[in-house]
Amino acid sequence: MAIDYSALLYDPVYAELGVEATLNDVEIIVIDDTRAKLQASNGVEVRSVGPGAFARIPELSAKGIVREDYKDAVLTFNGRSWTVRSYELRGSPNGEDLGEVRFLLMAVE
C-alpha cells in the first residue's frame, strides 16, 4: 500500500501555513516564500534566490491551471501582486503531478 503524502504531509502543512491567493483571478492556497533567507556555508553567507511561493499541483490542476499558464501569471497574496517569472517543480514521492510547484516571483510595480 502506497503512503498518501498529500493527506499526511501536504494537507496539514497547507492548512497551517497556507494563505489565500489568486493566480490569474483563480482562488488558490499558497505558502509565502517571499522573505529572503540567509544561508551560510564555510563562513560565507548568501541570500536565497529570490521571492517565491509554493502551490500544490493537484489543486492547480483541479482548478484548470496547467503548466503552460504558470509563466507570466499574476499571483496575488498577502496584499501584494507578483508576476511568475519562472517555476520549479518539486514533485512528491507519489509522483511529480501530486507534488508542489515553487513559483519564482518578481514584484508587480
N, C-alpha and C. Protein backbone atom coordinates (compact mmCIF):
# COMPACT_ATOMS: atom_id res chain seq x y z
N MET A 1 0.84 -1.18 0.00
CA MET A 1 0.00 0.00 0.00
C MET A 1 0.89 1.25 0.00
N ALA A 2 0.63 2.17 -0.89
CA ALA A 2 1.41 3.40 -1.01
C ALA A 2 0.99 4.40 0.07
N ILE A 3 1.94 5.17 0.54
CA ILE A 3 1.66 6.23 1.51
C ILE A 3 1.09 7.42 0.77
N ASP A 4 0.01 7.97 1.27
CA ASP A 4 -0.62 9.15 0.67
C ASP A 4 0.02 10.40 1.26
N TYR A 5 1.09 10.88 0.62
CA TYR A 5 1.80 12.05 1.12
C TYR A 5 0.94 13.30 1.06
N SER A 6 0.00 13.35 0.15
CA SER A 6 -0.87 14.51 0.06
C SER A 6 -1.66 14.67 1.36
N ALA A 7 -2.27 13.58 1.82
CA ALA A 7 -3.08 13.64 3.04
C ALA A 7 -2.21 13.76 4.29
N LEU A 8 -1.09 13.06 4.32
CA LEU A 8 -0.27 13.03 5.53
C LEU A 8 0.68 14.22 5.67
N LEU A 9 1.14 14.76 4.58
CA LEU A 9 2.13 15.83 4.65
C LEU A 9 1.58 17.17 4.16
N TYR A 10 1.14 17.21 2.92
CA TYR A 10 0.75 18.49 2.34
C TYR A 10 -0.52 19.08 2.96
N ASP A 11 -1.55 18.28 3.20
CA ASP A 11 -2.79 18.81 3.78
C ASP A 11 -2.53 19.57 5.09
N PRO A 12 -1.83 18.97 6.08
CA PRO A 12 -1.60 19.70 7.33
C PRO A 12 -0.72 20.94 7.16
N VAL A 13 0.29 20.85 6.31
CA VAL A 13 1.19 22.00 6.12
C VAL A 13 0.44 23.16 5.48
N TYR A 14 -0.33 22.89 4.45
CA TYR A 14 -1.07 23.96 3.79
C TYR A 14 -2.20 24.49 4.66
N ALA A 15 -2.79 23.64 5.51
CA ALA A 15 -3.83 24.09 6.43
C ALA A 15 -3.24 25.06 7.46
N GLU A 16 -2.01 24.83 7.88
CA GLU A 16 -1.37 25.65 8.91
C GLU A 16 -0.67 26.88 8.33
N LEU A 17 0.08 26.71 7.25
CA LEU A 17 0.92 27.79 6.72
C LEU A 17 0.35 28.47 5.47
N GLY A 18 -0.62 27.85 4.84
CA GLY A 18 -1.15 28.37 3.58
C GLY A 18 -1.92 29.67 3.75
N VAL A 19 -1.86 30.49 2.72
CA VAL A 19 -2.61 31.75 2.68
C VAL A 19 -3.43 31.79 1.40
N GLU A 20 -4.54 32.50 1.47
CA GLU A 20 -5.38 32.64 0.29
C GLU A 20 -4.68 33.49 -0.75
N ALA A 21 -4.83 33.08 -2.00
CA ALA A 21 -4.17 33.78 -3.11
C ALA A 21 -5.05 33.67 -4.35
N THR A 22 -4.69 34.45 -5.35
CA THR A 22 -5.30 34.26 -6.67
C THR A 22 -4.17 34.16 -7.68
N LEU A 23 -4.33 33.26 -8.62
CA LEU A 23 -3.41 33.12 -9.74
C LEU A 23 -4.24 33.38 -10.98
N ASN A 24 -3.99 34.52 -11.63
CA ASN A 24 -4.83 34.95 -12.76
C ASN A 24 -6.31 34.91 -12.41
N ASP A 25 -6.64 35.43 -11.24
CA ASP A 25 -8.01 35.56 -10.72
C ASP A 25 -8.66 34.25 -10.31
N VAL A 26 -7.93 33.15 -10.24
CA VAL A 26 -8.44 31.87 -9.75
C VAL A 26 -7.95 31.72 -8.30
N GLU A 27 -8.87 31.45 -7.38
CA GLU A 27 -8.51 31.33 -5.96
C GLU A 27 -7.76 30.02 -5.69
N ILE A 28 -6.60 30.16 -5.03
CA ILE A 28 -5.78 29.01 -4.64
C ILE A 28 -5.20 29.28 -3.25
N ILE A 29 -4.50 28.31 -2.71
CA ILE A 29 -3.77 28.45 -1.46
C ILE A 29 -2.28 28.32 -1.78
N VAL A 30 -1.47 29.23 -1.23
CA VAL A 30 -0.02 29.17 -1.42
C VAL A 30 0.68 29.26 -0.07
N ILE A 31 1.92 28.87 -0.06
CA ILE A 31 2.79 29.12 1.09
C ILE A 31 3.75 30.23 0.67
N ASP A 32 3.70 31.32 1.42
CA ASP A 32 4.51 32.50 1.15
C ASP A 32 5.98 32.19 1.39
N ASP A 33 6.78 32.34 0.37
CA ASP A 33 8.23 32.12 0.47
C ASP A 33 8.95 33.33 -0.12
N THR A 34 8.42 34.54 0.21
CA THR A 34 8.96 35.76 -0.38
C THR A 34 10.08 36.37 0.44
N ARG A 35 10.19 36.00 1.69
CA ARG A 35 11.24 36.57 2.54
C ARG A 35 12.59 35.93 2.24
N ALA A 36 13.57 36.75 1.98
CA ALA A 36 14.92 36.23 1.69
C ALA A 36 15.48 35.54 2.93
N LYS A 37 16.19 34.45 2.71
CA LYS A 37 16.78 33.68 3.79
C LYS A 37 18.28 33.70 3.65
N LEU A 38 18.97 33.82 4.78
CA LEU A 38 20.42 33.74 4.75
C LEU A 38 20.85 32.29 4.84
N GLN A 39 21.80 31.91 4.03
CA GLN A 39 22.36 30.56 4.08
C GLN A 39 23.87 30.71 4.27
N ALA A 40 24.41 29.96 5.22
CA ALA A 40 25.84 30.04 5.50
C ALA A 40 26.51 28.73 5.10
N SER A 41 27.66 28.86 4.48
CA SER A 41 28.46 27.70 4.10
C SER A 41 29.92 28.09 4.17
N ASN A 42 30.69 27.37 4.96
CA ASN A 42 32.12 27.65 5.12
C ASN A 42 32.39 29.11 5.49
N GLY A 43 31.53 29.66 6.35
CA GLY A 43 31.71 31.03 6.81
C GLY A 43 31.24 32.10 5.86
N VAL A 44 30.67 31.73 4.73
CA VAL A 44 30.17 32.71 3.76
C VAL A 44 28.65 32.69 3.80
N GLU A 45 28.06 33.88 3.96
CA GLU A 45 26.60 33.99 3.98
C GLU A 45 26.11 34.49 2.63
N VAL A 46 25.07 33.85 2.12
CA VAL A 46 24.44 34.29 0.87
C VAL A 46 22.94 34.29 1.05
N ARG A 47 22.26 35.13 0.30
CA ARG A 47 20.80 35.18 0.35
C ARG A 47 20.22 34.16 -0.63
N SER A 48 18.99 33.73 -0.36
CA SER A 48 18.32 32.78 -1.24
C SER A 48 18.08 33.41 -2.61
N VAL A 49 17.63 32.61 -3.55
CA VAL A 49 17.47 33.01 -4.93
C VAL A 49 16.59 34.24 -5.10
N GLY A 50 15.50 34.31 -4.42
CA GLY A 50 14.59 35.44 -4.55
C GLY A 50 13.22 35.06 -4.06
N PRO A 51 12.27 35.98 -4.18
CA PRO A 51 10.94 35.70 -3.66
C PRO A 51 10.26 34.56 -4.41
N GLY A 52 9.48 33.81 -3.67
CA GLY A 52 8.76 32.69 -4.27
C GLY A 52 7.50 32.37 -3.48
N ALA A 53 6.78 31.40 -3.98
CA ALA A 53 5.59 30.88 -3.31
C ALA A 53 5.39 29.45 -3.77
N PHE A 54 4.96 28.61 -2.85
CA PHE A 54 4.67 27.21 -3.17
C PHE A 54 3.18 27.02 -3.35
N ALA A 55 2.81 26.17 -4.30
CA ALA A 55 1.41 25.79 -4.52
C ALA A 55 1.37 24.30 -4.81
N ARG A 56 0.23 23.70 -4.56
CA ARG A 56 0.06 22.27 -4.80
C ARG A 56 -0.43 22.03 -6.22
N ILE A 57 0.27 21.19 -6.94
CA ILE A 57 -0.08 20.91 -8.33
C ILE A 57 -1.48 20.31 -8.45
N PRO A 58 -1.90 19.36 -7.58
CA PRO A 58 -3.26 18.83 -7.72
C PRO A 58 -4.34 19.92 -7.59
N GLU A 59 -4.13 20.91 -6.72
CA GLU A 59 -5.11 21.99 -6.59
C GLU A 59 -5.15 22.82 -7.86
N LEU A 60 -3.98 23.15 -8.39
CA LEU A 60 -3.92 23.93 -9.63
C LEU A 60 -4.62 23.18 -10.77
N SER A 61 -4.30 21.90 -10.91
CA SER A 61 -4.91 21.09 -11.98
C SER A 61 -6.42 21.01 -11.82
N ALA A 62 -6.89 20.82 -10.59
CA ALA A 62 -8.34 20.72 -10.34
C ALA A 62 -9.06 22.01 -10.70
N LYS A 63 -8.35 23.14 -10.65
CA LYS A 63 -8.95 24.43 -10.97
C LYS A 63 -8.66 24.86 -12.40
N GLY A 64 -8.14 23.92 -13.22
CA GLY A 64 -7.93 24.19 -14.64
C GLY A 64 -6.67 24.96 -14.96
N ILE A 65 -5.75 25.08 -13.99
CA ILE A 65 -4.49 25.78 -14.23
C ILE A 65 -3.44 24.76 -14.62
N VAL A 66 -2.93 24.86 -15.83
CA VAL A 66 -1.93 23.91 -16.34
C VAL A 66 -0.56 24.60 -16.39
N ARG A 67 0.50 23.82 -16.56
CA ARG A 67 1.87 24.36 -16.53
C ARG A 67 2.08 25.49 -17.53
N GLU A 68 1.44 25.42 -18.66
CA GLU A 68 1.59 26.47 -19.66
C GLU A 68 1.07 27.81 -19.14
N ASP A 69 0.22 27.78 -18.10
CA ASP A 69 -0.35 29.00 -17.53
C ASP A 69 0.55 29.63 -16.46
N TYR A 70 1.55 28.90 -15.97
CA TYR A 70 2.34 29.38 -14.84
C TYR A 70 3.15 30.63 -15.16
N LYS A 71 3.97 30.54 -16.20
CA LYS A 71 4.89 31.64 -16.50
C LYS A 71 4.13 32.89 -16.92
N ASP A 72 4.52 34.02 -16.35
CA ASP A 72 3.93 35.33 -16.59
C ASP A 72 2.55 35.50 -15.97
N ALA A 73 2.10 34.53 -15.18
CA ALA A 73 0.82 34.67 -14.47
C ALA A 73 0.97 35.72 -13.37
N VAL A 74 -0.14 36.31 -12.96
CA VAL A 74 -0.13 37.25 -11.84
C VAL A 74 -0.64 36.51 -10.61
N LEU A 75 0.20 36.49 -9.58
CA LEU A 75 -0.11 35.82 -8.32
C LEU A 75 -0.24 36.89 -7.25
N THR A 76 -1.39 36.93 -6.59
CA THR A 76 -1.66 37.94 -5.57
C THR A 76 -1.94 37.25 -4.25
N PHE A 77 -1.22 37.67 -3.20
CA PHE A 77 -1.45 37.16 -1.84
C PHE A 77 -0.80 38.11 -0.84
N ASN A 78 -1.30 38.08 0.37
CA ASN A 78 -0.79 38.93 1.45
C ASN A 78 -0.67 40.39 1.05
N GLY A 79 -1.63 40.87 0.25
CA GLY A 79 -1.68 42.28 -0.10
C GLY A 79 -0.72 42.73 -1.19
N ARG A 80 -0.04 41.80 -1.84
CA ARG A 80 0.90 42.16 -2.91
C ARG A 80 0.63 41.34 -4.16
N SER A 81 1.01 41.89 -5.28
CA SER A 81 0.89 41.17 -6.55
C SER A 81 2.28 40.92 -7.11
N TRP A 82 2.42 39.74 -7.70
CA TRP A 82 3.69 39.29 -8.24
C TRP A 82 3.48 38.72 -9.63
N THR A 83 4.50 38.78 -10.46
CA THR A 83 4.49 38.09 -11.74
C THR A 83 5.35 36.84 -11.59
N VAL A 84 4.84 35.72 -12.07
CA VAL A 84 5.60 34.48 -12.04
C VAL A 84 6.62 34.55 -13.17
N ARG A 85 7.90 34.68 -12.81
CA ARG A 85 8.95 34.79 -13.83
C ARG A 85 9.46 33.43 -14.25
N SER A 86 9.30 32.44 -13.38
CA SER A 86 9.72 31.07 -13.66
C SER A 86 9.12 30.17 -12.59
N TYR A 87 9.37 28.88 -12.71
CA TYR A 87 8.87 27.96 -11.69
C TYR A 87 9.75 26.72 -11.64
N GLU A 88 9.68 26.04 -10.49
CA GLU A 88 10.40 24.78 -10.29
C GLU A 88 9.42 23.75 -9.79
N LEU A 89 9.37 22.60 -10.43
CA LEU A 89 8.52 21.51 -9.97
C LEU A 89 9.22 20.81 -8.83
N ARG A 90 8.50 20.58 -7.73
CA ARG A 90 9.09 19.94 -6.56
C ARG A 90 8.69 18.47 -6.44
N GLY A 91 7.63 18.07 -7.10
CA GLY A 91 7.22 16.68 -7.07
C GLY A 91 6.87 16.18 -5.69
N SER A 92 6.66 14.90 -5.58
CA SER A 92 6.38 14.23 -4.32
C SER A 92 6.75 12.77 -4.49
N PRO A 93 6.88 12.03 -3.41
CA PRO A 93 7.16 10.60 -3.54
C PRO A 93 6.06 9.84 -4.31
N ASN A 94 4.86 10.45 -4.40
CA ASN A 94 3.77 9.83 -5.15
C ASN A 94 3.76 10.23 -6.62
N GLY A 95 4.71 11.05 -7.05
CA GLY A 95 4.79 11.46 -8.44
C GLY A 95 4.81 12.97 -8.60
N GLU A 96 5.37 13.40 -9.70
CA GLU A 96 5.52 14.83 -9.96
C GLU A 96 4.20 15.58 -9.95
N ASP A 97 3.15 14.98 -10.50
CA ASP A 97 1.86 15.67 -10.60
C ASP A 97 1.11 15.72 -9.28
N LEU A 98 1.63 15.06 -8.24
CA LEU A 98 0.98 15.09 -6.93
C LEU A 98 1.78 15.91 -5.93
N GLY A 99 2.75 16.66 -6.39
CA GLY A 99 3.61 17.44 -5.51
C GLY A 99 3.31 18.92 -5.55
N GLU A 100 4.38 19.68 -5.47
CA GLU A 100 4.27 21.13 -5.41
C GLU A 100 5.02 21.77 -6.57
N VAL A 101 4.72 23.05 -6.76
CA VAL A 101 5.48 23.89 -7.66
C VAL A 101 5.91 25.11 -6.85
N ARG A 102 7.15 25.52 -7.05
CA ARG A 102 7.61 26.76 -6.44
C ARG A 102 7.65 27.81 -7.53
N PHE A 103 6.80 28.82 -7.37
CA PHE A 103 6.79 29.94 -8.30
C PHE A 103 7.90 30.91 -7.93
N LEU A 104 8.73 31.28 -8.88
CA LEU A 104 9.77 32.29 -8.68
C LEU A 104 9.18 33.61 -9.13
N LEU A 105 9.17 34.58 -8.23
CA LEU A 105 8.35 35.77 -8.42
C LEU A 105 9.15 37.05 -8.63
N MET A 106 8.49 38.01 -9.28
CA MET A 106 9.00 39.35 -9.47
C MET A 106 7.87 40.30 -9.09
N ALA A 107 8.16 41.29 -8.26
CA ALA A 107 7.12 42.22 -7.80
C ALA A 107 6.50 42.97 -8.97
N VAL A 108 5.18 43.16 -8.90
CA VAL A 108 4.48 43.97 -9.88
C VAL A 108 4.56 45.41 -9.39
N GLU A 109 5.08 46.27 -10.20
CA GLU A 109 5.24 47.69 -9.80
C GLU A 109 3.97 48.46 -10.02
